[in-house]
Amino acid sequence: MDLLMEIETYLHRTGVSPTAFGRRAVNDPRLVLDMRRGRRPKPHTIERVSAIIHPAARAEWHS
């Protein structure tokens, strides 16, 4: 699944605003808005976003 689509699903499911998500994930409140406009995140950003969206997977990865 596309990362932006995963983020959008997470936002819808949790009710978190796009700016709050970006701030929490990578200290960038414009992250989601910029991705909607075509921004392509770097690998480190993808890791941090994925850790928020899929916390159980991250715990398994680092154990």
N, C-alpha and C. Protein backbone atom coordinates (compact mmCIF):
# COMPACT_ATOMS: atom_id res chain seq x y z
N MET A 1 0.85 -1.18 0.00
CA MET A 1 0.00 0.00 0.00
C MET A 1 0.90 1.25 0.00
N ASP A 2 0.48 2.24 -0.71
CA ASP A 2 1.17 3.52 -0.79
C ASP A 2 1.24 4.17 0.60
N LEU A 3 2.36 4.76 0.93
CA LEU A 3 2.55 5.35 2.26
C LEU A 3 1.52 6.44 2.55
N LEU A 4 1.26 7.31 1.60
CA LEU A 4 0.27 8.36 1.82
C LEU A 4 -1.10 7.75 2.09
N MET A 5 -1.45 6.71 1.38
CA MET A 5 -2.74 6.05 1.61
C MET A 5 -2.79 5.45 3.02
N GLU A 6 -1.68 4.89 3.46
CA GLU A 6 -1.62 4.35 4.83
C GLU A 6 -1.79 5.46 5.86
N ILE A 7 -1.16 6.59 5.61
CA ILE A 7 -1.29 7.73 6.52
C ILE A 7 -2.74 8.21 6.54
N GLU A 8 -3.34 8.34 5.37
CA GLU A 8 -4.73 8.81 5.29
C GLU A 8 -5.66 7.85 6.04
N THR A 9 -5.44 6.56 5.90
CA THR A 9 -6.25 5.56 6.62
C THR A 9 -6.06 5.71 8.12
N TYR A 10 -4.82 5.89 8.55
CA TYR A 10 -4.52 6.07 9.97
C TYR A 10 -5.21 7.33 10.51
N LEU A 11 -5.13 8.42 9.76
CA LEU A 11 -5.75 9.67 10.19
C LEU A 11 -7.26 9.51 10.32
N HIS A 12 -7.86 8.84 9.36
CA HIS A 12 -9.30 8.63 9.39
C HIS A 12 -9.70 7.75 10.58
N ARG A 13 -8.92 6.69 10.80
CA ARG A 13 -9.22 5.73 11.87
C ARG A 13 -9.04 6.35 13.26
N THR A 14 -8.04 7.19 13.41
CA THR A 14 -7.71 7.72 14.74
C THR A 14 -8.27 9.11 15.01
N GLY A 15 -8.62 9.83 13.96
CA GLY A 15 -9.09 11.20 14.15
C GLY A 15 -7.99 12.21 14.38
N VAL A 16 -6.74 11.81 14.19
CA VAL A 16 -5.59 12.71 14.35
C VAL A 16 -5.56 13.65 13.14
N SER A 17 -5.26 14.91 13.37
CA SER A 17 -5.17 15.85 12.25
C SER A 17 -3.87 15.63 11.48
N PRO A 18 -3.85 15.98 10.21
CA PRO A 18 -2.62 15.84 9.42
C PRO A 18 -1.44 16.59 10.01
N THR A 19 -1.69 17.80 10.54
CA THR A 19 -0.58 18.58 11.10
C THR A 19 -0.06 17.95 12.39
N ALA A 20 -0.95 17.44 13.22
CA ALA A 20 -0.51 16.78 14.46
C ALA A 20 0.29 15.52 14.14
N PHE A 21 -0.16 14.79 13.14
CA PHE A 21 0.56 13.57 12.74
C PHE A 21 1.97 13.90 12.27
N GLY A 22 2.09 14.87 11.38
CA GLY A 22 3.40 15.26 10.86
C GLY A 22 4.33 15.75 11.95
N ARG A 23 3.77 16.52 12.87
CA ARG A 23 4.57 17.04 13.98
C ARG A 23 5.07 15.89 14.86
N ARG A 24 4.18 14.94 15.15
CA ARG A 24 4.56 13.81 16.00
C ARG A 24 5.56 12.90 15.30
N ALA A 25 5.34 12.66 14.02
CA ALA A 25 6.19 11.71 13.29
C ALA A 25 7.60 12.24 13.05
N VAL A 26 7.69 13.46 12.52
CA VAL A 26 9.00 13.97 12.12
C VAL A 26 9.20 15.45 12.43
N ASN A 27 8.40 15.96 13.36
CA ASN A 27 8.49 17.37 13.75
C ASN A 27 8.29 18.30 12.56
N ASP A 28 7.37 17.91 11.66
CA ASP A 28 7.07 18.71 10.49
C ASP A 28 5.56 18.72 10.26
N PRO A 29 4.88 19.76 10.72
CA PRO A 29 3.43 19.79 10.59
C PRO A 29 2.94 19.82 9.15
N ARG A 30 3.79 20.12 8.20
CA ARG A 30 3.39 20.16 6.78
C ARG A 30 3.62 18.83 6.06
N LEU A 31 4.13 17.83 6.72
CA LEU A 31 4.46 16.57 6.08
C LEU A 31 3.31 16.02 5.23
N VAL A 32 2.15 15.81 5.83
CA VAL A 32 1.03 15.19 5.11
C VAL A 32 0.55 16.11 3.99
N LEU A 33 0.42 17.39 4.29
CA LEU A 33 -0.03 18.33 3.26
C LEU A 33 0.93 18.35 2.07
N ASP A 34 2.22 18.34 2.36
CA ASP A 34 3.22 18.33 1.28
C ASP A 34 3.18 17.00 0.51
N MET A 35 2.99 15.90 1.21
CA MET A 35 2.90 14.60 0.53
C MET A 35 1.68 14.56 -0.38
N ARG A 36 0.60 15.17 0.04
CA ARG A 36 -0.59 15.24 -0.82
C ARG A 36 -0.31 16.03 -2.09
N ARG A 37 0.67 16.90 -2.03
CA ARG A 37 1.05 17.72 -3.20
C ARG A 37 2.23 17.12 -3.96
N GLY A 38 2.64 15.91 -3.60
CA GLY A 38 3.68 15.23 -4.37
C GLY A 38 5.02 15.06 -3.68
N ARG A 39 5.18 15.56 -2.47
CA ARG A 39 6.45 15.39 -1.75
C ARG A 39 6.75 13.91 -1.57
N ARG A 40 7.98 13.54 -1.81
CA ARG A 40 8.42 12.15 -1.61
C ARG A 40 9.33 12.09 -0.38
N PRO A 41 8.89 11.37 0.64
CA PRO A 41 9.70 11.33 1.87
C PRO A 41 10.97 10.50 1.71
N LYS A 42 11.97 10.87 2.47
CA LYS A 42 13.23 10.14 2.48
C LYS A 42 13.07 8.86 3.31
N PRO A 43 13.99 7.90 3.16
CA PRO A 43 13.87 6.63 3.89
C PRO A 43 13.72 6.79 5.41
N HIS A 44 14.45 7.72 6.00
CA HIS A 44 14.35 7.92 7.45
C HIS A 44 12.94 8.39 7.84
N THR A 45 12.37 9.25 7.04
CA THR A 45 11.01 9.73 7.29
C THR A 45 10.02 8.58 7.16
N ILE A 46 10.19 7.75 6.16
CA ILE A 46 9.31 6.60 5.97
C ILE A 46 9.37 5.67 7.18
N GLU A 47 10.57 5.45 7.71
CA GLU A 47 10.72 4.60 8.91
C GLU A 47 9.97 5.19 10.10
N ARG A 48 10.11 6.47 10.31
CA ARG A 48 9.46 7.11 11.47
C ARG A 48 7.95 7.10 11.33
N VAL A 49 7.45 7.36 10.13
CA VAL A 49 6.01 7.33 9.88
C VAL A 49 5.48 5.91 10.08
N SER A 50 6.18 4.92 9.53
CA SER A 50 5.76 3.53 9.66
C SER A 50 5.74 3.08 11.12
N ALA A 51 6.66 3.58 11.91
CA ALA A 51 6.71 3.22 13.33
C ALA A 51 5.47 3.71 14.07
N ILE A 52 4.92 4.81 13.63
CA ILE A 52 3.70 5.32 14.27
C ILE A 52 2.48 4.56 13.77
N ILE A 53 2.43 4.31 12.48
CA ILE A 53 1.28 3.63 11.90
C ILE A 53 1.23 2.17 12.30
N HIS A 54 2.38 1.53 12.37
CA HIS A 54 2.47 0.09 12.68
C HIS A 54 3.39 -0.14 13.88
N PRO A 55 3.00 0.28 15.08
CA PRO A 55 3.91 0.16 16.23
C PRO A 55 4.28 -1.27 16.58
N ALA A 56 3.39 -2.23 16.38
CA ALA A 56 3.70 -3.63 16.71
C ALA A 56 4.81 -4.17 15.81
N ALA A 57 4.77 -3.79 14.54
CA ALA A 57 5.80 -4.23 13.60
C ALA A 57 7.15 -3.69 13.99
N ARG A 58 7.21 -2.47 14.48
CA ARG A 58 8.47 -1.87 14.91
C ARG A 58 9.02 -2.60 16.12
N ALA A 59 8.14 -2.96 17.05
CA ALA A 59 8.59 -3.68 18.25
C ALA A 59 9.19 -5.03 17.86
N GLU A 60 8.57 -5.70 16.90
CA GLU A 60 9.10 -6.99 16.45
C GLU A 60 10.43 -6.80 15.73
N TRP A 61 10.56 -5.74 14.94
CA TRP A 61 11.75 -5.46 14.18
C TRP A 61 12.95 -5.24 15.10
N HIS A 62 12.73 -4.54 16.21
CA HIS A 62 13.83 -4.16 17.10
C HIS A 62 14.02 -5.13 18.27
N SER A 63 13.30 -6.22 18.30
CA SER A 63 13.48 -7.16 19.42
C SER A 63 14.42 -8.27 19.07
